[in-house]
Amino acid sequence: MDLTPLRNLINLQILDLQGNKISDISPLSNLVHITRLNLSANKMNSLKSLSGMKLLTEFRAVKNQITDLSPLSTIKMRKYLCFSFQLQTTALLTSLRQNKFLNQTQYQTKYSEEDETKGS
């Protein structure tokens, strides 16, 4: 699904794109007023385009191919983060402590906790 037509909806606050076989979410990078975003059941492998969504409070990305949460590290999500992907490291999860609800469905990591403490 091509998201280009959404790129000019800059005042959009809630967006549900669940189950649309989306792989490229770069057109969403202009939507800086989004507070609730559902991108579950798509084919995404990167969240890079979401890094500017500072108002995001609820985010769902269940059933995607994402391995890196670092683009979310600057977002102070206060309510809800739901994901199920194979992360390369769990280090970012510690920065998400302010979330009231963190759902790690089918959570797996490629590195052990020991590997992470070596990097600190």
Protein backbone atom coordinates (compact mmCIF):
# COMPACT_ATOMS: atom_id res chain seq x y z
CA MET A 1 0.00 0.00 0.00
CA ASP A 2 1.33 3.41 -0.97
CA LEU A 3 1.09 5.90 1.90
CA THR A 4 2.13 8.93 -0.17
CA PRO A 5 -1.43 10.40 -0.21
CA LEU A 6 -1.26 10.64 3.61
CA ARG A 7 1.90 12.75 3.71
CA ASN A 8 0.01 16.09 3.63
CA LEU A 9 -2.46 15.26 6.41
CA ILE A 10 -0.20 17.02 8.89
CA ASN A 11 -2.92 17.63 11.50
CA LEU A 12 -3.93 13.97 11.67
CA GLN A 13 -3.89 12.67 15.26
CA ILE A 14 -5.12 9.07 15.06
CA LEU A 15 -4.16 6.64 12.32
CA ASP A 16 -4.94 2.93 12.04
CA LEU A 17 -3.22 1.16 9.15
CA GLN A 18 -3.40 -2.37 10.50
CA GLY A 19 -3.20 -5.22 7.99
CA ASN A 20 -2.31 -3.33 4.81
CA LYS A 21 0.96 -5.05 3.78
CA ILE A 22 2.84 -1.77 4.26
CA SER A 23 6.61 -1.93 4.02
CA ASP A 24 7.51 1.76 3.57
CA ILE A 25 6.22 4.19 6.19
CA SER A 26 8.43 7.13 5.15
CA PRO A 27 5.41 9.21 3.94
CA LEU A 28 4.25 9.26 7.58
CA SER A 29 7.30 11.25 8.71
CA ASN A 30 5.42 14.57 8.18
CA LEU A 31 2.59 13.55 10.52
CA VAL A 32 4.08 15.07 13.66
CA HIS A 33 0.71 15.51 15.42
CA ILE A 34 -0.06 11.78 15.55
CA THR A 35 -0.89 10.63 19.08
CA ARG A 36 -2.19 7.12 18.34
CA LEU A 37 -0.75 4.92 15.60
CA ASN A 38 -1.52 1.30 14.74
CA LEU A 39 0.79 -0.31 12.18
CA SER A 40 0.19 -3.92 13.21
CA ALA A 41 0.17 -6.80 10.71
CA ASN A 42 2.20 -5.12 7.99
CA LYS A 43 5.61 -5.79 6.44
CA MET A 44 7.66 -3.03 8.03
CA ASN A 45 11.26 -3.55 9.05
CA SER A 46 12.14 0.01 10.10
CA LEU A 47 10.61 2.61 12.41
CA LYS A 48 13.03 5.36 11.34
CA SER A 49 10.23 7.53 9.90
CA LEU A 50 8.49 7.71 13.29
CA SER A 51 11.31 9.48 15.15
CA GLY A 52 9.69 12.92 14.68
CA MET A 53 6.35 11.88 16.20
CA LYS A 54 7.03 13.43 19.61
CA LEU A 55 3.30 13.50 20.55
CA LEU A 56 2.85 9.75 20.06
CA THR A 57 1.30 8.19 23.18
CA GLU A 58 -0.01 4.90 21.81
CA PHE A 59 1.83 2.77 19.29
CA ARG A 60 1.09 -0.73 18.03
CA ALA A 61 3.27 -2.69 15.64
CA VAL A 62 2.39 -6.33 16.27
CA LYS A 63 3.28 -8.80 13.49
CA ASN A 64 5.98 -6.88 11.62
CA GLN A 65 9.63 -7.54 10.78
CA ILE A 66 11.14 -4.87 13.02
CA THR A 67 14.43 -5.57 14.82
CA ASP A 68 15.32 -2.10 16.10
CA LEU A 69 13.35 0.18 18.43
CA SER A 70 15.98 2.94 18.56
CA PRO A 71 13.95 5.38 16.39
CA LEU A 72 11.45 5.46 19.29
CA SER A 73 14.09 6.35 21.88
CA THR A 74 13.39 10.11 21.68
CA ILE A 75 9.62 9.70 21.98
CA LYS A 76 8.16 9.90 25.49
CA MET A 77 5.30 7.49 24.95
CA ARG A 78 3.28 7.61 28.15
CA LYS A 79 0.48 5.15 27.53
CA TYR A 80 0.94 2.15 25.33
CA LEU A 81 3.57 0.39 23.30
CA CYS A 82 2.72 -2.97 21.79
CA PHE A 83 5.03 -4.92 19.53
CA SER A 84 6.04 -8.41 18.51
CA PHE A 85 9.28 -8.55 16.66
CA GLN A 86 12.73 -9.99 17.04
CA LEU A 87 14.87 -7.28 18.57
CA GLN A 88 18.63 -7.27 18.12
CA THR A 89 19.09 -6.01 21.67
CA THR A 90 16.94 -5.33 24.74
CA ALA A 91 18.90 -2.20 25.73
CA LEU A 92 16.25 0.23 24.48
CA LEU A 93 13.54 -1.36 26.61
CA THR A 94 15.05 0.20 29.73
CA SER A 95 14.43 3.67 28.28
CA LEU A 96 10.75 2.83 27.86
CA ARG A 97 10.08 2.58 31.61
CA GLN A 98 7.70 5.56 31.54
CA ASN A 99 5.15 3.52 29.57
CA LYS A 100 2.05 2.58 31.51
CA PHE A 101 1.66 -0.52 29.38
CA LEU A 102 4.37 -2.32 27.46
CA ASN A 103 3.30 -5.46 25.64
CA GLN A 104 6.15 -7.54 24.29
CA THR A 105 4.24 -10.21 22.40
CA GLN A 106 6.45 -13.05 21.17
CA TYR A 107 9.52 -11.16 22.35
CA GLN A 108 12.87 -12.58 21.28
CA THR A 109 16.34 -11.12 21.25
CA LYS A 110 19.48 -12.09 19.39
CA TYR A 111 21.83 -11.07 22.22
CA SER A 112 22.04 -12.23 25.80
CA GLU A 113 21.81 -9.95 28.83
CA GLU A 114 25.54 -10.56 29.34
CA ASP A 115 26.28 -9.07 25.91
CA GLU A 116 24.37 -5.93 26.85
CA THR A 117 26.21 -5.37 30.11
CA LYS A 118 29.52 -5.58 28.26
CA GLY A 119 28.43 -2.63 26.10
CA SER A 120 27.54 -0.43 29.09
